[in-house]
Protein backbone atom coordinates (compact mmCIF):
# COMPACT_ATOMS: atom_id res chain seq x y z
CA MET A 1 67.87 126.76 35.81
CA THR A 2 65.43 129.36 35.53
CA ALA A 3 64.93 131.22 32.25
CA PRO A 4 66.36 134.74 32.09
CA SER A 5 62.97 136.43 31.42
CA THR A 6 61.54 134.92 34.72
CA ARG A 7 64.51 135.88 36.78
CA ARG A 8 64.51 139.51 35.90
CA PRO A 9 61.56 140.51 38.01
CA ALA A 10 62.91 138.61 40.89
CA LEU A 11 66.31 140.43 40.68
CA PHE A 12 64.74 143.78 40.13
CA PHE A 13 62.55 143.24 43.14
CA GLY A 14 65.46 142.03 45.36
CA GLY A 15 67.70 144.92 44.24
CA PHE A 16 64.77 147.44 45.09
CA LEU A 17 64.10 145.86 48.46
CA VAL A 18 67.82 145.93 49.38
CA VAL A 19 68.24 149.73 48.33
CA ALA A 20 65.03 150.36 50.15
CA LEU A 21 66.26 148.70 53.35
CA LEU A 22 69.59 150.56 53.19
CA VAL A 23 67.97 153.88 52.66
CA ALA A 24 65.42 153.41 55.40
CA GLY A 25 67.65 151.87 57.89
CA LEU A 26 70.88 153.72 57.32
CA LEU A 27 70.05 157.21 55.54
CA SER A 28 66.97 157.89 57.75
CA ALA A 29 69.43 157.75 60.79
CA LEU A 30 71.42 160.55 59.56
CA ALA A 31 68.22 162.73 59.05
CA SER A 32 67.45 165.64 61.24
CA PRO A 33 65.13 164.33 64.10
CA GLU A 34 63.24 167.70 64.07
CA PRO A 35 62.09 168.48 60.41
CA ASP A 36 61.48 172.21 61.10
CA GLY A 37 60.43 173.19 57.52
CA LEU A 38 56.76 172.47 57.76
CA ASP A 39 56.77 173.79 61.58
CA SER A 40 58.40 177.09 60.04
CA VAL A 41 55.78 177.43 57.47
CA ALA A 42 53.00 176.59 59.91
CA LEU A 43 54.08 179.35 62.37
CA HIS A 44 54.44 182.16 59.62
CA GLY A 45 52.21 184.97 61.07
CA CYS A 46 52.57 184.16 64.60
CA THR A 47 54.98 184.87 67.63
CA VAL A 48 55.64 182.16 70.19
CA VAL A 49 55.35 183.30 73.82
CA GLU A 50 56.19 181.68 76.80
CA THR A 51 53.71 181.81 79.66
CA PRO A 52 54.87 182.24 83.29
CA ASP A 53 54.28 178.26 83.74
CA GLY A 54 56.83 177.47 81.13
CA ALA A 55 54.18 176.45 78.52
CA GLU A 56 54.26 178.16 75.11
CA HIS A 57 51.32 180.16 73.47
CA LEU A 58 50.96 181.49 69.99
CA GLU A 59 49.87 185.03 69.21
CA GLY A 60 48.95 186.48 65.79
CA THR A 61 47.35 184.47 62.60
CA CYS A 62 49.04 181.44 61.46
CA ILE A 63 47.73 177.88 60.59
CA ALA A 64 49.53 176.40 63.63
CA GLN A 65 46.79 178.01 66.00
CA HIS A 66 44.63 175.31 64.58
CA GLU A 67 47.05 172.43 65.20
CA ALA A 68 45.69 169.52 67.15
CA GLU A 69 47.35 166.37 68.42
CA HIS A 70 47.22 163.47 65.61
CA PRO A 71 44.91 160.50 66.76
CA LEU A 72 48.12 158.18 66.10
CA SER A 73 50.63 160.42 67.75
CA SER A 74 50.83 157.94 70.84
CA GLY A 75 50.99 154.85 68.32
CA PRO A 76 54.19 152.49 68.42
CA MET A 77 55.76 154.27 65.31
CA ALA A 78 54.96 157.84 66.03
CA ASP A 79 57.42 160.51 65.34
CA TYR A 80 59.62 158.38 63.08
CA THR A 81 60.56 156.14 66.21
CA VAL A 82 59.96 153.07 67.77
CA GLY A 83 58.05 153.47 71.05
CA GLY A 84 59.18 157.05 71.19
CA ALA A 85 62.72 155.89 72.03
CA GLU A 86 65.59 158.18 70.56
CA GLY A 87 67.92 156.53 68.01
CA THR A 88 65.48 154.15 66.58
CA THR A 89 64.55 156.16 63.45
CA GLY A 90 66.41 153.47 61.34
CA VAL A 91 64.73 150.67 62.89
CA ALA A 92 61.24 152.54 62.38
CA GLY A 93 62.30 153.08 58.70
CA VAL A 94 63.11 149.31 58.03
CA THR A 95 59.78 148.27 59.75
CA GLY A 96 58.19 150.60 57.47
CA VAL A 97 59.66 149.33 54.38
CA ILE A 98 58.99 145.75 55.49
CA VAL A 99 55.40 146.48 56.31
CA THR A 100 54.84 148.43 53.02
CA VAL A 101 56.23 145.57 50.93
CA VAL A 102 53.96 142.77 52.72
CA VAL A 103 50.83 144.64 52.40
CA ALA A 104 51.56 145.88 48.82
CA GLY A 105 52.80 142.38 47.94
CA GLY A 106 49.70 140.91 49.41
CA VAL A 107 47.38 143.31 47.60
CA PHE A 108 49.37 142.64 44.19
CA LEU A 109 48.84 138.82 44.77
CA LEU A 110 45.18 139.23 45.52
CA LEU A 111 44.66 141.42 42.03
CA ARG A 112 47.01 139.82 39.68
CA ARG A 113 45.76 138.25 36.69
CA ARG A 114 45.77 134.68 36.43
CA SER A 115 46.79 132.98 33.22
CA GLY A 116 45.59 129.65 32.09
């Protein structure tokens, strides 16, 4: 049997991991797929005008006029989805938690102090 003082970090980490996976996998599926708060602020001062070919053009002065495509926008986890497929927000969230735990855990193991 393990002493209580050595089990606490494992119990805490296990509980933290379960909560993080539940939030990432279940609650992220309930979030809006189109977060518009940042878009709204970026468009402040501009008017969106549709062109005859169906595209959109910005007129005015706003920070959205300087927007550019992100270099990772075509990546496998772009836009909170897996491969751009709709309905995969929860899978992307769980994958993100697992990747973060593995990377952070690896860094922690490399940097930990060794006793004795």
